Amino acid sequence: MSVGQLLIAPHAPWQNPFVERLIGTLPRECLDRVIVWNKRSLRRMLRGFLAFYYQHRPHLSLDKDAPIPRTAQPATGAIIQVPHVGGLQHHYERRAA
């Protein structure tokens, strides 16, 4: 099948599609909307956003699921909004009545 390993150049994130996607997504969905005061606030913001990105954000390539699969929601009950990243991002879930 002539499948081989393809090495990318060091310090060349544009050759890695996963890094390129992250470099585009972080500013667009997180950092462009907040004021970062110092390194500690930046790390806290990035930790919160990455947790949201992997646990709750829908990905089209995963059939609108998150990389960490979500559990099934109850059929009835109130729909509530759950904030993430200090209220910057949200996900919605149904709570059983």
PDB file of N, CA and C in Angstrom:
ATOM      1  N   MET A   1       0.820  -1.198   0.000  1.00  0.00           N
ATOM      2  CA  MET A   1       0.000   0.000   0.000  1.00  0.00           C
ATOM      3  C   MET A   1       0.859   1.255   0.000  1.00  0.00           C
ATOM      4  N   SER A   2       2.146   1.121   0.164  1.00  0.00           N
ATOM      5  CA  SER A   2       3.098   2.246   0.174  1.00  0.00           C
ATOM      6  C   SER A   2       2.677   3.357   1.144  1.00  0.00           C
ATOM      7  N   VAL A   3       2.327   2.955   2.350  1.00  0.00           N
ATOM      8  CA  VAL A   3       2.000   3.912   3.404  1.00  0.00           C
ATOM      9  C   VAL A   3       3.266   4.137   4.209  1.00  0.00           C
ATOM     10  N   GLY A   4       3.642   5.380   4.368  1.00  0.00           N
ATOM     11  CA  GLY A   4       4.862   5.684   5.105  1.00  0.00           C
ATOM     12  C   GLY A   4       4.653   6.835   6.060  1.00  0.00           C
ATOM     13  N   GLN A   5       5.663   7.074   6.848  1.00  0.00           N
ATOM     14  CA  GLN A   5       5.627   8.148   7.830  1.00  0.00           C
ATOM     15  C   GLN A   5       6.030   9.447   7.149  1.00  0.00           C
ATOM     16  N   LEU A   6       5.321  10.515   7.431  1.00  0.00           N
ATOM     17  CA  LEU A   6       5.623  11.816   6.861  1.00  0.00           C
ATOM     18  C   LEU A   6       6.024  12.739   8.008  1.00  0.00           C
ATOM     19  N   LEU A   7       7.249  13.180   8.013  1.00  0.00           N
ATOM     20  CA  LEU A   7       7.738  14.059   9.062  1.00  0.00           C
ATOM     21  C   LEU A   7       7.455  15.507   8.691  1.00  0.00           C
ATOM     22  N   ILE A   8       7.099  16.306   9.694  1.00  0.00           N
ATOM     23  CA  ILE A   8       6.878  17.722   9.452  1.00  0.00           C
ATOM     24  C   ILE A   8       8.092  18.476   9.969  1.00  0.00           C
ATOM     25  N   ALA A   9       8.308  19.651   9.429  1.00  0.00           N
ATOM     26  CA  ALA A   9       9.440  20.469   9.837  1.00  0.00           C
ATOM     27  C   ALA A   9       9.217  20.995  11.252  1.00  0.00           C
ATOM     28  N   PRO A  10      10.286  21.105  12.043  1.00  0.00           N
ATOM     29  CA  PRO A  10      10.128  21.682  13.386  1.00  0.00           C
ATOM     30  C   PRO A  10       9.662  23.139  13.285  1.00  0.00           C
ATOM     31  N   HIS A  11       8.876  23.558  14.223  1.00  0.00           N
ATOM     32  CA  HIS A  11       8.342  24.925  14.299  1.00  0.00           C
ATOM     33  C   HIS A  11       7.527  25.279  13.059  1.00  0.00           C
ATOM     34  N   ALA A  12       6.806  24.313  12.506  1.00  0.00           N
ATOM     35  CA  ALA A  12       5.981  24.548  11.335  1.00  0.00           C
ATOM     36  C   ALA A  12       4.575  24.010  11.590  1.00  0.00           C
ATOM     37  N   PRO A  13       3.756  24.699  12.423  1.00  0.00           N
ATOM     38  CA  PRO A  13       2.433  24.174  12.753  1.00  0.00           C
ATOM     39  C   PRO A  13       1.500  24.094  11.553  1.00  0.00           C
ATOM     40  N   TRP A  14       1.742  24.875  10.495  1.00  0.00           N
ATOM     41  CA  TRP A  14       0.875  24.844   9.319  1.00  0.00           C
ATOM     42  C   TRP A  14       0.976  23.515   8.570  1.00  0.00           C
ATOM     43  N   GLN A  15       1.966  22.686   8.913  1.00  0.00           N
ATOM     44  CA  GLN A  15       2.083  21.375   8.291  1.00  0.00           C
ATOM     45  C   GLN A  15       1.340  20.299   9.080  1.00  0.00           C
ATOM     46  N   ASN A  16       0.805  20.655  10.233  1.00  0.00           N
ATOM     47  CA  ASN A  16       0.060  19.717  11.066  1.00  0.00           C
ATOM     48  C   ASN A  16      -1.386  20.211  11.151  1.00  0.00           C
ATOM     49  N   PRO A  17      -2.349  19.514  10.546  1.00  0.00           N
ATOM     50  CA  PRO A  17      -3.726  20.036  10.514  1.00  0.00           C
ATOM     51  C   PRO A  17      -4.372  20.139  11.890  1.00  0.00           C
ATOM     52  N   PHE A  18      -3.986  19.290  12.837  1.00  0.00           N
ATOM     53  CA  PHE A  18      -4.583  19.349  14.174  1.00  0.00           C
ATOM     54  C   PHE A  18      -4.122  20.597  14.917  1.00  0.00           C
ATOM     55  N   VAL A  19      -2.856  20.923  14.816  1.00  0.00           N
ATOM     56  CA  VAL A  19      -2.335  22.134  15.457  1.00  0.00           C
ATOM     57  C   VAL A  19      -2.891  23.364  14.762  1.00  0.00           C
ATOM     58  N   GLU A  20      -2.973  23.314  13.447  1.00  0.00           N
ATOM     59  CA  GLU A  20      -3.511  24.442  12.700  1.00  0.00           C
ATOM     60  C   GLU A  20      -4.959  24.723  13.097  1.00  0.00           C
ATOM     61  N   ARG A  21      -5.746  23.682  13.289  1.00  0.00           N
ATOM     62  CA  ARG A  21      -7.139  23.853  13.710  1.00  0.00           C
ATOM     63  C   ARG A  21      -7.205  24.481  15.102  1.00  0.00           C
ATOM     64  N   LEU A  22      -6.359  24.017  16.012  1.00  0.00           N
ATOM     65  CA  LEU A  22      -6.340  24.558  17.371  1.00  0.00           C
ATOM     66  C   LEU A  22      -5.909  26.016  17.367  1.00  0.00           C
ATOM     67  N   ILE A  23      -4.905  26.351  16.558  1.00  0.00           N
ATOM     68  CA  ILE A  23      -4.438  27.732  16.479  1.00  0.00           C
ATOM     69  C   ILE A  23      -5.540  28.642  15.942  1.00  0.00           C
ATOM     70  N   GLY A  24      -6.398  28.136  15.073  1.00  0.00           N
ATOM     71  CA  GLY A  24      -7.507  28.934  14.569  1.00  0.00           C
ATOM     72  C   GLY A  24      -8.672  29.016  15.541  1.00  0.00           C
ATOM     73  N   THR A  25      -8.958  27.916  16.238  1.00  0.00           N
ATOM     74  CA  THR A  25     -10.123  27.847  17.115  1.00  0.00           C
ATOM     75  C   THR A  25      -9.921  28.626  18.415  1.00  0.00           C
ATOM     76  N   LEU A  26      -8.760  28.535  19.024  1.00  0.00           N
ATOM     77  CA  LEU A  26      -8.535  29.199  20.310  1.00  0.00           C
ATOM     78  C   LEU A  26      -8.789  30.700  20.259  1.00  0.00           C
ATOM     79  N   PRO A  27      -8.179  31.426  19.355  1.00  0.00           N
ATOM     80  CA  PRO A  27      -8.480  32.863  19.339  1.00  0.00           C
ATOM     81  C   PRO A  27      -9.924  33.165  18.963  1.00  0.00           C
ATOM     82  N   ARG A  28     -10.448  32.461  17.963  1.00  0.00           N
ATOM     83  CA  ARG A  28     -11.787  32.770  17.456  1.00  0.00           C
ATOM     84  C   ARG A  28     -12.872  32.520  18.498  1.00  0.00           C
ATOM     85  N   GLU A  29     -12.781  31.441  19.245  1.00  0.00           N
ATOM     86  CA  GLU A  29     -13.859  31.089  20.172  1.00  0.00           C
ATOM     87  C   GLU A  29     -13.570  31.442  21.628  1.00  0.00           C
ATOM     88  N   CYS A  30     -12.329  31.817  21.941  1.00  0.00           N
ATOM     89  CA  CYS A  30     -12.013  32.057  23.345  1.00  0.00           C
ATOM     90  C   CYS A  30     -11.247  33.368  23.555  1.00  0.00           C
ATOM     91  N   LEU A  31     -10.042  33.458  23.056  1.00  0.00           N
ATOM     92  CA  LEU A  31      -9.151  34.551  23.429  1.00  0.00           C
ATOM     93  C   LEU A  31      -9.539  35.901  22.846  1.00  0.00           C
ATOM     94  N   ASP A  32     -10.240  35.941  21.730  1.00  0.00           N
ATOM     95  CA  ASP A  32     -10.666  37.225  21.159  1.00  0.00           C
ATOM     96  C   ASP A  32     -11.789  37.857  21.970  1.00  0.00           C
ATOM     97  N   ARG A  33     -12.376  37.135  22.903  1.00  0.00           N
ATOM     98  CA  ARG A  33     -13.545  37.624  23.640  1.00  0.00           C
ATOM     99  C   ARG A  33     -13.264  37.959  25.091  1.00  0.00           C
ATOM    100  N   VAL A  34     -12.013  37.835  25.518  1.00  0.00           N
ATOM    101  CA  VAL A  34     -11.669  38.090  26.925  1.00  0.00           C
ATOM    102  C   VAL A  34     -10.436  38.975  26.999  1.00  0.00           C
ATOM    103  N   ILE A  35     -10.243  39.563  28.152  1.00  0.00           N
ATOM    104  CA  ILE A  35      -9.008  40.291  28.444  1.00  0.00           C
ATOM    105  C   ILE A  35      -8.186  39.396  29.360  1.00  0.00           C
ATOM    106  N   VAL A  36      -6.986  39.080  28.934  1.00  0.00           N
ATOM    107  CA  VAL A  36      -6.098  38.233  29.729  1.00  0.00           C
ATOM    108  C   VAL A  36      -5.217  39.149  30.562  1.00  0.00           C
ATOM    109  N   TRP A  37      -5.254  38.973  31.881  1.00  0.00           N
ATOM    110  CA  TRP A  37      -4.524  39.856  32.781  1.00  0.00           C
ATOM    111  C   TRP A  37      -3.097  39.402  33.016  1.00  0.00           C
ATOM    112  N   ASN A  38      -2.902  38.106  33.154  1.00  0.00           N
ATOM    113  CA  ASN A  38      -1.560  37.585  33.426  1.00  0.00           C
ATOM    114  C   ASN A  38      -1.499  36.112  33.005  1.00  0.00           C
ATOM    115  N   LYS A  39      -0.354  35.493  33.261  1.00  0.00           N
ATOM    116  CA  LYS A  39      -0.165  34.109  32.838  1.00  0.00           C
ATOM    117  C   LYS A  39      -1.130  33.170  33.555  1.00  0.00           C
ATOM    118  N   ARG A  40      -1.394  33.424  34.819  1.00  0.00           N
ATOM    119  CA  ARG A  40      -2.302  32.557  35.581  1.00  0.00           C
ATOM    120  C   ARG A  40      -3.726  32.612  35.032  1.00  0.00           C
ATOM    121  N   SER A  41      -4.199  33.818  34.678  1.00  0.00           N
ATOM    122  CA  SER A  41      -5.554  33.915  34.118  1.00  0.00           C
ATOM    123  C   SER A  41      -5.615  33.282  32.725  1.00  0.00           C
ATOM    124  N   LEU A  42      -4.532  33.390  31.948  1.00  0.00           N
ATOM    125  CA  LEU A  42      -4.497  32.749  30.630  1.00  0.00           C
ATOM    126  C   LEU A  42      -4.562  31.232  30.769  1.00  0.00           C
ATOM    127  N   ARG A  43      -3.795  30.677  31.689  1.00  0.00           N
ATOM    128  CA  ARG A  43      -3.806  29.224  31.889  1.00  0.00           C
ATOM    129  C   ARG A  43      -5.171  28.737  32.363  1.00  0.00           C
ATOM    130  N   ARG A  44      -5.806  29.478  33.270  1.00  0.00           N
ATOM    131  CA  ARG A  44      -7.135  29.109  33.761  1.00  0.00           C
ATOM    132  C   ARG A  44      -8.156  29.154  32.627  1.00  0.00           C
ATOM    133  N   MET A  45      -8.075  30.184  31.789  1.00  0.00           N
ATOM    134  CA  MET A  45      -8.988  30.316  30.655  1.00  0.00           C
ATOM    135  C   MET A  45      -8.775  29.174  29.664  1.00  0.00           C
ATOM    136  N   LEU A  46      -7.539  28.853  29.355  1.00  0.00           N
ATOM    137  CA  LEU A  46      -7.249  27.785  28.396  1.00  0.00           C
ATOM    138  C   LEU A  46      -7.647  26.420  28.939  1.00  0.00           C
ATOM    139  N   ARG A  47      -7.412  26.185  30.230  1.00  0.00           N
ATOM    140  CA  ARG A  47      -7.836  24.911  30.838  1.00  0.00           C
ATOM    141  C   ARG A  47      -9.348  24.751  30.753  1.00  0.00           C
ATOM    142  N   GLY A  48     -10.072  25.803  31.079  1.00  0.00           N
ATOM    143  CA  GLY A  48     -11.530  25.748  31.014  1.00  0.00           C
ATOM    144  C   GLY A  48     -12.037  25.563  29.593  1.00  0.00           C
ATOM    145  N   PHE A  49     -11.414  26.260  28.632  1.00  0.00           N
ATOM    146  CA  PHE A  49     -11.856  26.131  27.248  1.00  0.00           C
ATOM    147  C   PHE A  49     -11.553  24.740  26.701  1.00  0.00           C
ATOM    148  N   LEU A  50     -10.379  24.194  26.989  1.00  0.00           N
ATOM    149  CA  LEU A  50     -10.044  22.860  26.491  1.00  0.00           C
ATOM    150  C   LEU A  50     -10.941  21.793  27.109  1.00  0.00           C
ATOM    151  N   ALA A  51     -11.308  21.961  28.377  1.00  0.00           N
ATOM    152  CA  ALA A  51     -12.257  21.025  28.987  1.00  0.00           C
ATOM    153  C   ALA A  51     -13.601  21.103  28.267  1.00  0.00           C
ATOM    154  N   PHE A  52     -14.080  22.315  27.985  1.00  0.00           N
ATOM    155  CA  PHE A  52     -15.328  22.484  27.234  1.00  0.00           C
ATOM    156  C   PHE A  52     -15.195  21.900  25.826  1.00  0.00           C
ATOM    157  N   TYR A  53     -14.063  22.141  25.162  1.00  0.00           N
ATOM    158  CA  TYR A  53     -13.838  21.696  23.778  1.00  0.00           C
ATOM    159  C   TYR A  53     -13.900  20.178  23.665  1.00  0.00           C
ATOM    160  N   TYR A  54     -13.319  19.475  24.623  1.00  0.00           N
ATOM    161  CA  TYR A  54     -13.271  18.017  24.547  1.00  0.00           C
ATOM    162  C   TYR A  54     -14.495  17.322  25.143  1.00  0.00           C
ATOM    163  N   GLN A  55     -15.228  17.979  26.038  1.00  0.00           N
ATOM    164  CA  GLN A  55     -16.337  17.319  26.707  1.00  0.00           C
ATOM    165  C   GLN A  55     -17.714  17.729  26.184  1.00  0.00           C
ATOM    166  N   HIS A  56     -17.860  18.948  25.664  1.00  0.00           N
ATOM    167  CA  HIS A  56     -19.208  19.436  25.346  1.00  0.00           C
ATOM    168  C   HIS A  56     -19.369  20.025  23.956  1.00  0.00           C
ATOM    169  N   ARG A  57     -18.334  20.565  23.359  1.00  0.00           N
ATOM    170  CA  ARG A  57     -18.473  21.249  22.068  1.00  0.00           C
ATOM    171  C   ARG A  57     -18.746  20.231  20.967  1.00  0.00           C
ATOM    172  N   PRO A  58     -19.797  20.443  20.150  1.00  0.00           N
ATOM    173  CA  PRO A  58     -20.088  19.506  19.061  1.00  0.00           C
ATOM    174  C   PRO A  58     -19.067  19.653  17.931  1.00  0.00           C
ATOM    175  N   HIS A  59     -18.616  18.520  17.412  1.00  0.00           N
ATOM    176  CA  HIS A  59     -17.661  18.485  16.309  1.00  0.00           C
ATOM    177  C   HIS A  59     -18.357  17.831  15.121  1.00  0.00           C
ATOM    178  N   LEU A  60     -18.353  18.495  13.983  1.00  0.00           N
ATOM    179  CA  LEU A  60     -19.024  17.959  12.800  1.00  0.00           C
ATOM    180  C   LEU A  60     -18.397  16.646  12.338  1.00  0.00           C
ATOM    181  N   SER A  61     -17.072  16.522  12.472  1.00  0.00           N
ATOM    182  CA  SER A  61     -16.411  15.299  12.020  1.00  0.00           C
ATOM    183  C   SER A  61     -16.764  14.103  12.899  1.00  0.00           C
ATOM    184  N   LEU A  62     -17.273  14.347  14.084  1.00  0.00           N
ATOM    185  CA  LEU A  62     -17.669  13.270  15.007  1.00  0.00           C
ATOM    186  C   LEU A  62     -19.187  13.119  15.039  1.00  0.00           C
ATOM    187  N   ASP A  63     -19.857  13.503  13.986  1.00  0.00           N
ATOM    188  CA  ASP A  63     -21.311  13.413  13.881  1.00  0.00           C
ATOM    189  C   ASP A  63     -22.009  14.217  14.979  1.00  0.00           C
ATOM    190  N   LYS A  64     -21.498  15.430  15.195  1.00  0.00           N
ATOM    191  CA  LYS A  64     -22.011  16.389  16.179  1.00  0.00           C
ATOM    192  C   LYS A  64     -21.945  15.872  17.614  1.00  0.00           C
ATOM    193  N   ASP A  65     -20.918  15.104  17.903  1.00  0.00           N
ATOM    194  CA  ASP A  65     -20.650  14.651  19.266  1.00  0.00           C
ATOM    195  C   ASP A  65     -19.311  15.247  19.696  1.00  0.00           C
ATOM    196  N   ALA A  66     -18.997  15.135  20.956  1.00  0.00           N
ATOM    197  CA  ALA A  66     -17.726  15.627  21.487  1.00  0.00           C
ATOM    198  C   ALA A  66     -16.701  14.497  21.448  1.00  0.00           C
ATOM    199  N   PRO A  67     -15.392  14.832  21.482  1.00  0.00           N
ATOM    200  CA  PRO A  67     -14.373  13.777  21.517  1.00  0.00           C
ATOM    201  C   PRO A  67     -14.552  12.818  22.686  1.00  0.00           C
ATOM    202  N   ILE A  68     -14.985  13.324  23.818  1.00  0.00           N
ATOM    203  CA  ILE A  68     -15.359  12.458  24.934  1.00  0.00           C
ATOM    204  C   ILE A  68     -16.872  12.299  24.817  1.00  0.00           C
ATOM    205  N   PRO A  69     -17.358  11.114  24.412  1.00  0.00           N
ATOM    206  CA  PRO A  69     -18.795  10.952  24.126  1.00  0.00           C
ATOM    207  C   PRO A  69     -19.681  11.352  25.303  1.00  0.00           C
ATOM    208  N   ARG A  70     -20.787  11.978  24.965  1.00  0.00           N
ATOM    209  CA  ARG A  70     -21.742  12.430  25.984  1.00  0.00           C
ATOM    210  C   ARG A  70     -22.745  11.329  26.295  1.00  0.00           C
ATOM    211  N   THR A  71     -23.309  11.395  27.471  1.00  0.00           N
ATOM    212  CA  THR A  71     -24.314  10.410  27.867  1.00  0.00           C
ATOM    213  C   THR A  71     -25.669  10.800  27.280  1.00  0.00           C
ATOM    214  N   ALA A  72     -26.559   9.829  27.173  1.00  0.00           N
ATOM    215  CA  ALA A  72     -27.898  10.084  26.644  1.00  0.00           C
ATOM    216  C   ALA A  72     -28.691  10.947  27.629  1.00  0.00           C
ATOM    217  N   GLN A  73     -29.489  11.857  27.087  1.00  0.00           N
ATOM    218  CA  GLN A  73     -30.297  12.757  27.901  1.00  0.00           C
ATOM    219  C   GLN A  73     -31.669  12.132  28.145  1.00  0.00           C
ATOM    220  N   PRO A  74     -32.322  12.450  29.275  1.00  0.00           N
ATOM    221  CA  PRO A  74     -33.687  11.967  29.494  1.00  0.00           C
ATOM    222  C   PRO A  74     -34.638  12.560  28.450  1.00  0.00           C
ATOM    223  N   ALA A  75     -35.725  11.865  28.189  1.00  0.00           N
ATOM    224  CA  ALA A  75     -36.671  12.296  27.162  1.00  0.00           C
ATOM    225  C   ALA A  75     -37.495  13.503  27.596  1.00  0.00           C
ATOM    226  N   THR A  76     -37.733  13.656  28.888  1.00  0.00           N
ATOM    227  CA  THR A  76     -38.538  14.778  29.371  1.00  0.00           C
ATOM    228  C   THR A  76     -37.788  15.490  30.486  1.00  0.00           C
ATOM    229  N   GLY A  77     -38.200  16.710  30.740  1.00  0.00           N
ATOM    230  CA  GLY A  77     -37.594  17.484  31.806  1.00  0.00           C
ATOM    231  C   GLY A  77     -37.233  18.870  31.310  1.00  0.00           C
ATOM    232  N   ALA A  78     -36.815  19.698  32.221  1.00  0.00           N
ATOM    233  CA  ALA A  78     -36.465  21.074  31.896  1.00  0.00           C
ATOM    234  C   ALA A  78     -35.093  21.127  31.236  1.00  0.00           C
ATOM    235  N   ILE A  79     -34.951  21.996  30.248  1.00  0.00           N
ATOM    236  CA  ILE A  79     -33.667  22.210  29.595  1.00  0.00           C
ATOM    237  C   ILE A  79     -32.983  23.364  30.305  1.00  0.00           C
ATOM    238  N   ILE A  80     -31.757  23.122  30.764  1.00  0.00           N
ATOM    239  CA  ILE A  80     -31.022  24.168  31.477  1.00  0.00           C
ATOM    240  C   ILE A  80     -29.742  24.496  30.722  1.00  0.00           C
ATOM    241  N   GLN A  81     -29.272  25.705  30.932  1.00  0.00           N
ATOM    242  CA  GLN A  81     -28.048  26.195  30.323  1.00  0.00           C
ATOM    243  C   GLN A  81     -26.913  26.037  31.329  1.00  0.00           C
ATOM    244  N   VAL A  82     -25.806  25.416  30.926  1.00  0.00           N
ATOM    245  CA  VAL A  82     -24.659  25.209  31.810  1.00  0.00           C
ATOM    246  C   VAL A  82     -23.499  26.046  31.272  1.00  0.00           C
ATOM    247  N   PRO A  83     -23.040  27.065  32.035  1.00  0.00           N
ATOM    248  CA  PRO A  83     -21.953  27.913  31.543  1.00  0.00           C
ATOM    249  C   PRO A  83     -20.586  27.256  31.726  1.00  0.00           C
ATOM    250  N   HIS A  84     -19.672  27.592  30.822  1.00  0.00           N
ATOM    251  CA  HIS A  84     -18.283  27.150  30.887  1.00  0.00           C
ATOM    252  C   HIS A  84     -17.390  28.348  30.597  1.00  0.00           C
ATOM    253  N   VAL A  85     -16.161  28.260  30.997  1.00  0.00           N
ATOM    254  CA  VAL A  85     -15.149  29.289  30.740  1.00  0.00           C
ATOM    255  C   VAL A  85     -15.660  30.649  31.225  1.00  0.00           C
ATOM    256  N   GLY A  86     -16.155  30.688  32.434  1.00  0.00           N
ATOM    257  CA  GLY A  86     -16.628  31.930  33.017  1.00  0.00           C
ATOM    258  C   GLY A  86     -17.839  32.514  32.309  1.00  0.00           C
ATOM    259  N   GLY A  87     -18.687  31.679  31.701  1.00  0.00           N
ATOM    260  CA  GLY A  87     -19.879  32.146  31.008  1.00  0.00           C
ATOM    261  C   GLY A  87     -19.642  32.473  29.545  1.00  0.00           C
ATOM    262  N   LEU A  88     -18.427  32.271  29.055  1.00  0.00           N
ATOM    263  CA  LEU A  88     -18.098  32.556  27.662  1.00  0.00           C
ATOM    264  C   LEU A  88     -18.713  31.531  26.712  1.00  0.00           C
ATOM    265  N   GLN A  89     -18.724  30.278  27.109  1.00  0.00           N
ATOM    266  CA  GLN A  89     -19.301  29.190  26.325  1.00  0.00           C
ATOM    267  C   GLN A  89     -20.394  28.528  27.165  1.00  0.00           C
ATOM    268  N   HIS A  90     -21.348  27.900  26.519  1.00  0.00           N
ATOM    269  CA  HIS A  90     -22.445  27.217  27.217  1.00  0.00           C
ATOM    270  C   HIS A  90     -22.750  25.902  26.535  1.00  0.00           C
ATOM    271  N   HIS A  91     -23.307  24.991  27.299  1.00  0.00           N
ATOM    272  CA  HIS A  91     -23.942  23.825  26.682  1.00  0.00           C
ATOM    273  C   HIS A  91     -25.273  23.649  27.392  1.00  0.00           C
ATOM    274  N   TYR A  92     -26.169  22.952  26.751  1.00  0.00           N
ATOM    275  CA  TYR A  92     -27.520  22.771  27.259  1.00  0.00           C
ATOM    276  C   TYR A  92     -27.766  21.309  27.534  1.00  0.00           C
ATOM    277  N   GLU A  93     -28.417  21.040  28.622  1.00  0.00           N
ATOM    278  CA  GLU A  93     -28.771  19.646  28.930  1.00  0.00           C
ATOM    279  C   GLU A  93     -30.157  19.597  29.533  1.00  0.00           C
ATOM    280  N   ARG A  94     -30.759  18.449  29.411  1.00  0.00           N
ATOM    281  CA  ARG A  94     -32.110  18.242  29.929  1.00  0.00           C
ATOM    282  C   ARG A  94     -32.003  17.554  31.278  1.00  0.00           C
ATOM    283  N   ARG A  95     -32.642  18.128  32.254  1.00  0.00           N
ATOM    284  CA  ARG A  95     -32.682  17.556  33.611  1.00  0.00           C
ATOM    285  C   ARG A  95     -33.999  16.840  33.804  1.00  0.00           C
ATOM    286  N   ALA A  96     -33.949  15.658  34.368  1.00  0.00           N
ATOM    287  CA  ALA A  96     -35.175  14.885  34.619  1.00  0.00           C
ATOM    288  C   ALA A  96     -36.051  15.624  35.614  1.00  0.00           C
ATOM    289  N   ALA A  97     -37.335  15.567  35.390  1.00  0.00           N
ATOM    290  CA  ALA A  97     -38.286  16.267  36.246  1.00  0.00           C
ATOM    291  C   ALA A  97     -38.509  15.543  37.557  1.00  0.00           C
TER     292      ALA A  97
END
